[in-house]
Amino acid sequence: MRHFNRHSVSETRGLIQDLITEVRDANENARSIENMLYGLFDGFDYSDKIKNHEEFQTLPTVIQLKLVALCETISNYPTSHTS
C-alpha cells in the first residue's frame, strides 16, 4: 500500500472532507468511494482505486471531475510503500 504524509497537505485534507460529504449527498450507496476518501484523509493512497471503481460512474460529473483532480494532486505527493 502506498501512503503519503497527510500532515504536510492540510489544504488537501479539507478538500477530501468536502468530497466525502459531496459523495455521500450525491449517492448514499457509494460507500466504497466514501471509505477510500477516508483512507486518503488518513494518508493511504487510493487514487487509482477511486478513479477505477464502479461506483465512480454513479456520481455526478462535477464530483467525478473533483475526484480526478484530487487523485492527480495526491499522485504528485511523495509516497512510500508499505505492506
Protein backbone atom coordinates (compact mmCIF):
# COMPACT_ATOMS: atom_id res chain seq x y z
CA MET A 1 0.00 0.00 0.00
CA ARG A 2 1.28 3.43 -0.88
CA HIS A 3 0.86 6.24 1.59
CA PHE A 4 1.78 9.91 1.83
CA ASN A 5 2.46 12.33 4.66
CA ARG A 6 -1.03 13.62 5.29
CA HIS A 7 0.21 16.18 7.81
CA SER A 8 2.02 18.12 5.08
CA VAL A 9 -1.11 18.61 2.97
CA SER A 10 -3.64 20.43 5.14
CA GLU A 11 -5.45 22.10 2.21
CA THR A 12 -5.90 18.73 0.54
CA ARG A 13 -7.35 17.25 3.73
CA GLY A 14 -10.02 19.97 3.68
CA LEU A 15 -10.86 19.10 0.09
CA ILE A 16 -11.09 15.42 1.00
CA GLN A 17 -13.51 16.24 3.82
CA ASP A 18 -15.65 18.28 1.43
CA LEU A 19 -15.69 15.46 -1.12
CA ILE A 20 -16.69 12.90 1.50
CA THR A 21 -19.81 14.98 2.14
CA GLU A 22 -20.47 15.59 -1.56
CA VAL A 23 -20.16 11.89 -2.43
CA ARG A 24 -22.45 10.90 0.45
CA ASP A 25 -25.04 13.52 -0.54
CA ALA A 26 -24.91 12.59 -4.24
CA ASN A 27 -25.15 8.82 -3.80
CA GLU A 28 -25.56 7.28 -0.38
CA ASN A 29 -24.74 3.90 -1.94
CA ALA A 30 -21.22 4.98 -2.96
CA ARG A 31 -19.83 3.63 0.32
CA SER A 32 -16.64 2.24 -1.19
CA ILE A 33 -15.66 5.62 -2.66
CA GLU A 34 -16.53 7.28 0.64
CA ASN A 35 -14.40 4.77 2.57
CA MET A 36 -11.46 5.28 0.19
CA LEU A 37 -11.75 9.03 0.73
CA TYR A 38 -11.48 8.44 4.46
CA GLY A 39 -8.38 6.39 3.67
CA LEU A 40 -6.95 9.31 1.68
CA PHE A 41 -7.64 11.55 4.65
CA ASP A 42 -5.56 9.15 6.76
CA GLY A 43 -2.71 9.19 4.23
CA PHE A 44 -3.39 5.97 2.31
CA ASP A 45 -3.17 6.45 -1.44
CA TYR A 46 -6.34 5.05 -3.00
CA SER A 47 -6.15 7.38 -6.01
CA ASP A 48 -6.11 4.71 -8.69
CA LYS A 49 -8.78 2.63 -6.99
CA ILE A 50 -11.13 5.60 -6.67
CA LYS A 51 -10.92 6.50 -10.35
CA ASN A 52 -11.40 2.90 -11.46
CA HIS A 53 -14.12 1.84 -9.02
CA GLU A 54 -17.55 1.01 -10.45
CA GLU A 55 -19.23 3.46 -8.02
CA PHE A 56 -17.24 6.31 -9.58
CA GLN A 57 -19.51 6.16 -12.65
CA THR A 58 -22.63 6.61 -10.48
CA LEU A 59 -21.54 10.04 -9.28
CA PRO A 60 -22.41 13.34 -10.98
CA THR A 61 -19.82 14.55 -13.49
CA VAL A 62 -18.87 17.55 -11.36
CA ILE A 63 -17.94 15.27 -8.47
CA GLN A 64 -16.09 12.91 -10.80
CA LEU A 65 -14.00 15.84 -12.03
CA LYS A 66 -13.22 16.92 -8.47
CA LEU A 67 -12.22 13.37 -7.56
CA VAL A 68 -9.94 13.08 -10.59
CA ALA A 69 -8.29 16.41 -9.74
CA LEU A 70 -7.83 15.32 -6.12
CA CYS A 71 -6.33 11.99 -7.18
CA GLU A 72 -3.94 13.73 -9.57
CA THR A 73 -2.84 16.08 -6.79
CA ILE A 74 -2.23 13.20 -4.41
CA SER A 75 -0.33 11.22 -7.03
CA ASN A 76 2.21 14.07 -7.11
CA TYR A 77 2.92 13.83 -3.38
CA PRO A 78 5.96 11.84 -2.32
CA THR A 79 4.83 8.36 -1.38
CA SER A 80 6.29 5.30 0.18
CA HIS A 81 5.34 1.64 0.02
CA THR A 82 4.32 -0.49 2.96
CA SER A 83 2.98 -3.99 3.09
